[in-house]
Amino acid sequence: MEGKKSQQLSQPRAILVFGAPASGKTTFCEKFSQQFRAPYYNLNEIAEDQDFTREKVLYVLDLIARSGQNLIIEGMLNTEEEREEIRKLLIEQNYNPSLIWIQTDVNTIKTRLKNRLKSVAKAKEEYDRKIAELEAPAESERPIVLSGKHTFSTQLKHVLSQLAN
């Protein structure tokens, strides 16, 4: 029993963060990454910047995971199938993945998008497109649910208490 416990303690963590556009995912990831000096990767940005397919991004993630470092990951997590594929890859690399679902009310999201995109029409289009791609987590995924309107300090306390369980 003791050996299993020490093995779990040495197992690196991967924090997978998803939610609606402008819900606060990137802000949370960046601050969490800084707090724990863990690398943060936005898989959508990797795909866009390098013009990579999902398969190529997963290959890169597999190479990154071989480092054994704790990781913070955002992007390419919109559906249960996508999340399961990434969790499986990480588990194969001996990671303990945890899912964080950041929720924010629709009015706040639309206001943030309008400010970011400088257009009500573009904000509505972006919101509608991204929401159509997003699946709420299944109960079996056991996500840690955060409010995108809470302070990072409050979010951090909640995440740490959930990860300790």
C-alpha atoms as a PDB file:
ATOM      1  CA  MET A   1       0.000   0.000   0.000  1.00  0.00           C
ATOM      2  CA  GLU A   2       2.788   2.406   0.902  1.00  0.00           C
ATOM      3  CA  GLY A   3       4.484   1.837  -2.463  1.00  0.00           C
ATOM      4  CA  LYS A   4       1.305   2.706  -4.335  1.00  0.00           C
ATOM      5  CA  LYS A   5       0.907   5.919  -2.334  1.00  0.00           C
ATOM      6  CA  SER A   6       4.466   7.071  -3.033  1.00  0.00           C
ATOM      7  CA  GLN A   7       4.020   6.186  -6.721  1.00  0.00           C
ATOM      8  CA  GLN A   8       0.904   8.408  -6.866  1.00  0.00           C
ATOM      9  CA  LEU A   9       2.813  11.281  -5.233  1.00  0.00           C
ATOM     10  CA  SER A  10       5.557  11.123  -7.869  1.00  0.00           C
ATOM     11  CA  GLN A  11       3.072  10.976 -10.733  1.00  0.00           C
ATOM     12  CA  PRO A  12       3.053  14.266 -12.659  1.00  0.00           C
ATOM     13  CA  ARG A  13      -0.199  16.184 -12.985  1.00  0.00           C
ATOM     14  CA  ALA A  14      -1.792  17.555 -16.114  1.00  0.00           C
ATOM     15  CA  ILE A  15      -4.417  20.224 -15.575  1.00  0.00           C
ATOM     16  CA  LEU A  16      -6.810  20.299 -18.562  1.00  0.00           C
ATOM     17  CA  VAL A  17      -8.852  23.504 -18.757  1.00  0.00           C
ATOM     18  CA  PHE A  18     -11.880  24.078 -20.970  1.00  0.00           C
ATOM     19  CA  GLY A  19     -14.987  26.245 -21.180  1.00  0.00           C
ATOM     20  CA  ALA A  20     -16.814  28.738 -23.332  1.00  0.00           C
ATOM     21  CA  PRO A  21     -14.910  31.441 -25.215  1.00  0.00           C
ATOM     22  CA  ALA A  22     -13.960  34.387 -22.983  1.00  0.00           C
ATOM     23  CA  SER A  23     -14.892  32.448 -19.854  1.00  0.00           C
ATOM     24  CA  GLY A  24     -11.475  33.059 -18.253  1.00  0.00           C
ATOM     25  CA  LYS A  25      -9.593  29.914 -19.301  1.00  0.00           C
ATOM     26  CA  THR A  26      -6.416  31.583 -20.507  1.00  0.00           C
ATOM     27  CA  THR A  27      -6.212  33.954 -17.547  1.00  0.00           C
ATOM     28  CA  PHE A  28      -6.601  31.037 -15.142  1.00  0.00           C
ATOM     29  CA  CYS A  29      -4.044  28.904 -17.017  1.00  0.00           C
ATOM     30  CA  GLU A  30      -1.445  31.664 -17.162  1.00  0.00           C
ATOM     31  CA  LYS A  31      -1.761  32.474 -13.459  1.00  0.00           C
ATOM     32  CA  PHE A  32      -1.820  28.800 -12.429  1.00  0.00           C
ATOM     33  CA  SER A  33       1.247  28.180 -14.583  1.00  0.00           C
ATOM     34  CA  GLN A  34       3.099  31.072 -12.956  1.00  0.00           C
ATOM     35  CA  GLN A  35       2.034  30.070  -9.448  1.00  0.00           C
ATOM     36  CA  PHE A  36       3.390  26.535  -9.828  1.00  0.00           C
ATOM     37  CA  ARG A  37       6.086  27.140 -12.453  1.00  0.00           C
ATOM     38  CA  ALA A  38       4.456  24.553 -14.667  1.00  0.00           C
ATOM     39  CA  PRO A  39       4.542  24.875 -18.452  1.00  0.00           C
ATOM     40  CA  TYR A  40       1.297  26.059 -20.038  1.00  0.00           C
ATOM     41  CA  TYR A  41       0.305  24.972 -23.529  1.00  0.00           C
ATOM     42  CA  ASN A  42      -2.646  26.231 -25.529  1.00  0.00           C
ATOM     43  CA  LEU A  43      -3.152  23.441 -28.060  1.00  0.00           C
ATOM     44  CA  ASN A  44      -5.360  25.615 -30.279  1.00  0.00           C
ATOM     45  CA  GLU A  45      -2.577  28.200 -30.547  1.00  0.00           C
ATOM     46  CA  ILE A  46      -0.014  25.508 -31.379  1.00  0.00           C
ATOM     47  CA  ALA A  47      -2.287  24.230 -34.161  1.00  0.00           C
ATOM     48  CA  GLU A  48      -2.902  27.733 -35.544  1.00  0.00           C
ATOM     49  CA  ASP A  49       0.672  29.023 -35.229  1.00  0.00           C
ATOM     50  CA  GLN A  50       2.210  25.948 -36.861  1.00  0.00           C
ATOM     51  CA  ASP A  51      -0.689  25.096 -39.174  1.00  0.00           C
ATOM     52  CA  PHE A  52      -0.803  21.661 -37.506  1.00  0.00           C
ATOM     53  CA  THR A  53      -3.556  19.088 -37.738  1.00  0.00           C
ATOM     54  CA  ARG A  54      -4.959  17.657 -34.514  1.00  0.00           C
ATOM     55  CA  GLU A  55      -2.810  14.570 -35.042  1.00  0.00           C
ATOM     56  CA  LYS A  56       0.365  16.659 -35.218  1.00  0.00           C
ATOM     57  CA  VAL A  57      -0.610  18.587 -32.085  1.00  0.00           C
ATOM     58  CA  LEU A  58      -1.215  15.310 -30.247  1.00  0.00           C
ATOM     59  CA  TYR A  59       2.213  14.111 -31.390  1.00  0.00           C
ATOM     60  CA  VAL A  60       3.775  17.305 -29.994  1.00  0.00           C
ATOM     61  CA  LEU A  61       1.813  16.871 -26.748  1.00  0.00           C
ATOM     62  CA  ASP A  62       3.092  13.305 -26.479  1.00  0.00           C
ATOM     63  CA  LEU A  63       6.674  14.580 -26.833  1.00  0.00           C
ATOM     64  CA  ILE A  64       6.031  17.279 -24.222  1.00  0.00           C
ATOM     65  CA  ALA A  65       4.501  14.734 -21.842  1.00  0.00           C
ATOM     66  CA  ARG A  66       7.684  12.648 -21.988  1.00  0.00           C
ATOM     67  CA  SER A  67       9.303  15.413 -19.913  1.00  0.00           C
ATOM     68  CA  GLY A  68       7.357  14.258 -16.863  1.00  0.00           C
ATOM     69  CA  GLN A  69       6.737  17.875 -15.829  1.00  0.00           C
ATOM     70  CA  ASN A  70       3.432  19.027 -14.418  1.00  0.00           C
ATOM     71  CA  LEU A  71       1.496  20.597 -17.301  1.00  0.00           C
ATOM     72  CA  ILE A  72      -1.299  23.109 -17.782  1.00  0.00           C
ATOM     73  CA  ILE A  73      -3.231  22.508 -21.007  1.00  0.00           C
ATOM     74  CA  GLU A  74      -5.940  24.524 -22.719  1.00  0.00           C
ATOM     75  CA  GLY A  75      -7.522  23.976 -26.113  1.00  0.00           C
ATOM     76  CA  MET A  76      -8.691  21.032 -28.177  1.00  0.00           C
ATOM     77  CA  LEU A  77     -10.854  19.938 -25.241  1.00  0.00           C
ATOM     78  CA  ASN A  78     -14.318  20.948 -26.466  1.00  0.00           C
ATOM     79  CA  THR A  79     -15.907  17.511 -26.665  1.00  0.00           C
ATOM     80  CA  GLU A  80     -15.916  14.508 -24.381  1.00  0.00           C
ATOM     81  CA  GLU A  81     -14.190  12.529 -27.133  1.00  0.00           C
ATOM     82  CA  GLU A  82     -11.403  15.131 -27.467  1.00  0.00           C
ATOM     83  CA  ARG A  83     -10.911  15.276 -23.712  1.00  0.00           C
ATOM     84  CA  GLU A  84     -10.792  11.473 -23.464  1.00  0.00           C
ATOM     85  CA  GLU A  85      -8.214  11.248 -26.263  1.00  0.00           C
ATOM     86  CA  ILE A  86      -5.917  13.730 -24.506  1.00  0.00           C
ATOM     87  CA  ARG A  87      -6.446  12.136 -21.085  1.00  0.00           C
ATOM     88  CA  LYS A  88      -5.585   8.725 -22.538  1.00  0.00           C
ATOM     89  CA  LEU A  89      -2.382  10.072 -24.115  1.00  0.00           C
ATOM     90  CA  LEU A  90      -1.372  11.624 -20.792  1.00  0.00           C
ATOM     91  CA  ILE A  91      -2.212   8.535 -18.756  1.00  0.00           C
ATOM     92  CA  GLU A  92      -0.031   6.484 -21.112  1.00  0.00           C
ATOM     93  CA  GLN A  93       2.805   8.856 -20.173  1.00  0.00           C
ATOM     94  CA  ASN A  94       2.077   8.234 -16.444  1.00  0.00           C
ATOM     95  CA  TYR A  95       0.215  11.512 -15.858  1.00  0.00           C
ATOM     96  CA  ASN A  96      -2.623  12.112 -13.453  1.00  0.00           C
ATOM     97  CA  PRO A  97      -4.912  14.368 -15.544  1.00  0.00           C
ATOM     98  CA  SER A  98      -7.533  16.589 -13.919  1.00  0.00           C
ATOM     99  CA  LEU A  99     -10.265  18.415 -15.808  1.00  0.00           C
ATOM    100  CA  ILE A 100     -11.257  21.985 -14.960  1.00  0.00           C
ATOM    101  CA  TRP A 101     -14.428  23.403 -16.468  1.00  0.00           C
ATOM    102  CA  ILE A 102     -14.608  27.187 -16.265  1.00  0.00           C
ATOM    103  CA  GLN A 103     -18.152  28.491 -16.383  1.00  0.00           C
ATOM    104  CA  THR A 104     -19.163  32.098 -16.835  1.00  0.00           C
ATOM    105  CA  ASP A 105     -22.594  33.572 -17.459  1.00  0.00           C
ATOM    106  CA  VAL A 106     -23.559  34.345 -21.046  1.00  0.00           C
ATOM    107  CA  ASN A 107     -23.826  38.126 -20.578  1.00  0.00           C
ATOM    108  CA  THR A 108     -20.294  38.359 -19.178  1.00  0.00           C
ATOM    109  CA  ILE A 109     -18.934  36.194 -21.994  1.00  0.00           C
ATOM    110  CA  LYS A 110     -20.648  38.316 -24.648  1.00  0.00           C
ATOM    111  CA  THR A 111     -19.370  41.535 -23.062  1.00  0.00           C
ATOM    112  CA  ARG A 112     -15.817  40.175 -22.950  1.00  0.00           C
ATOM    113  CA  LEU A 113     -16.037  39.030 -26.573  1.00  0.00           C
ATOM    114  CA  LYS A 114     -17.494  42.380 -27.667  1.00  0.00           C
ATOM    115  CA  ASN A 115     -14.597  44.196 -25.961  1.00  0.00           C
ATOM    116  CA  ARG A 116     -12.016  41.802 -27.415  1.00  0.00           C
ATOM    117  CA  LEU A 117     -13.403  41.798 -30.964  1.00  0.00           C
ATOM    118  CA  LYS A 118     -14.597  45.437 -30.964  1.00  0.00           C
ATOM    119  CA  SER A 119     -17.864  44.415 -32.593  1.00  0.00           C
ATOM    120  CA  VAL A 120     -21.211  43.153 -31.335  1.00  0.00           C
ATOM    121  CA  ALA A 121     -21.800  41.229 -34.583  1.00  0.00           C
ATOM    122  CA  LYS A 122     -18.378  39.550 -34.463  1.00  0.00           C
ATOM    123  CA  ALA A 123     -18.866  38.728 -30.773  1.00  0.00           C
ATOM    124  CA  LYS A 124     -22.223  37.088 -31.468  1.00  0.00           C
ATOM    125  CA  GLU A 125     -20.805  35.123 -34.401  1.00  0.00           C
ATOM    126  CA  GLU A 126     -17.783  33.958 -32.371  1.00  0.00           C
ATOM    127  CA  TYR A 127     -19.948  33.007 -29.397  1.00  0.00           C
ATOM    128  CA  ASP A 128     -22.457  31.056 -31.504  1.00  0.00           C
ATOM    129  CA  ARG A 129     -19.712  29.209 -33.392  1.00  0.00           C
ATOM    130  CA  LYS A 130     -17.703  28.258 -30.304  1.00  0.00           C
ATOM    131  CA  ILE A 131     -20.717  27.281 -28.190  1.00  0.00           C
ATOM    132  CA  ALA A 132     -21.938  24.969 -30.964  1.00  0.00           C
ATOM    133  CA  GLU A 133     -18.598  23.079 -30.679  1.00  0.00           C
ATOM    134  CA  LEU A 134     -18.615  22.821 -26.875  1.00  0.00           C
ATOM    135  CA  GLU A 135     -19.948  19.811 -24.951  1.00  0.00           C
ATOM    136  CA  ALA A 136     -20.586  19.976 -21.231  1.00  0.00           C
ATOM    137  CA  PRO A 137     -18.608  17.330 -19.380  1.00  0.00           C
ATOM    138  CA  ALA A 138     -20.171  13.982 -18.626  1.00  0.00           C
ATOM    139  CA  GLU A 139     -20.570  13.137 -14.964  1.00  0.00           C
ATOM    140  CA  SER A 140     -17.968  10.391 -15.437  1.00  0.00           C
ATOM    141  CA  GLU A 141     -15.356  13.041 -16.352  1.00  0.00           C
ATOM    142  CA  ARG A 142     -15.579  14.419 -12.802  1.00  0.00           C
ATOM    143  CA  PRO A 143     -14.570  17.998 -13.635  1.00  0.00           C
ATOM    144  CA  ILE A 144     -13.582  20.631 -11.131  1.00  0.00           C
ATOM    145  CA  VAL A 145     -16.051  23.431 -11.873  1.00  0.00           C
ATOM    146  CA  LEU A 146     -14.867  27.030 -11.501  1.00  0.00           C
ATOM    147  CA  SER A 147     -16.557  30.363 -11.956  1.00  0.00           C
ATOM    148  CA  GLY A 148     -14.795  32.533 -14.500  1.00  0.00           C
ATOM    149  CA  LYS A 149     -15.895  35.576 -12.499  1.00  0.00           C
ATOM    150  CA  HIS A 150     -14.170  34.642  -9.236  1.00  0.00           C
ATOM    151  CA  THR A 151     -10.730  35.915  -8.338  1.00  0.00           C
ATOM    152  CA  PHE A 152      -7.749  33.709  -9.101  1.00  0.00           C
ATOM    153  CA  SER A 153      -7.165  33.335  -5.368  1.00  0.00           C
ATOM    154  CA  THR A 154     -10.654  31.892  -4.881  1.00  0.00           C
ATOM    155  CA  GLN A 155     -10.295  29.665  -7.953  1.00  0.00           C
ATOM    156  CA  LEU A 156      -6.920  28.428  -6.724  1.00  0.00           C
ATOM    157  CA  LYS A 157      -8.246  27.497  -3.269  1.00  0.00           C
ATOM    158  CA  HIS A 158     -11.086  25.536  -4.854  1.00  0.00           C
ATOM    159  CA  VAL A 159      -8.825  23.699  -7.310  1.00  0.00           C
ATOM    160  CA  LEU A 160      -6.268  22.795  -4.667  1.00  0.00           C
ATOM    161  CA  SER A 161      -8.940  21.496  -2.291  1.00  0.00           C
ATOM    162  CA  GLN A 162     -10.433  19.357  -5.082  1.00  0.00           C
ATOM    163  CA  LEU A 163      -7.040  18.043  -6.198  1.00  0.00           C
ATOM    164  CA  ALA A 164      -6.256  17.043  -2.617  1.00  0.00           C
ATOM    165  CA  ASN A 165      -9.317  14.753  -2.532  1.00  0.00           C
END
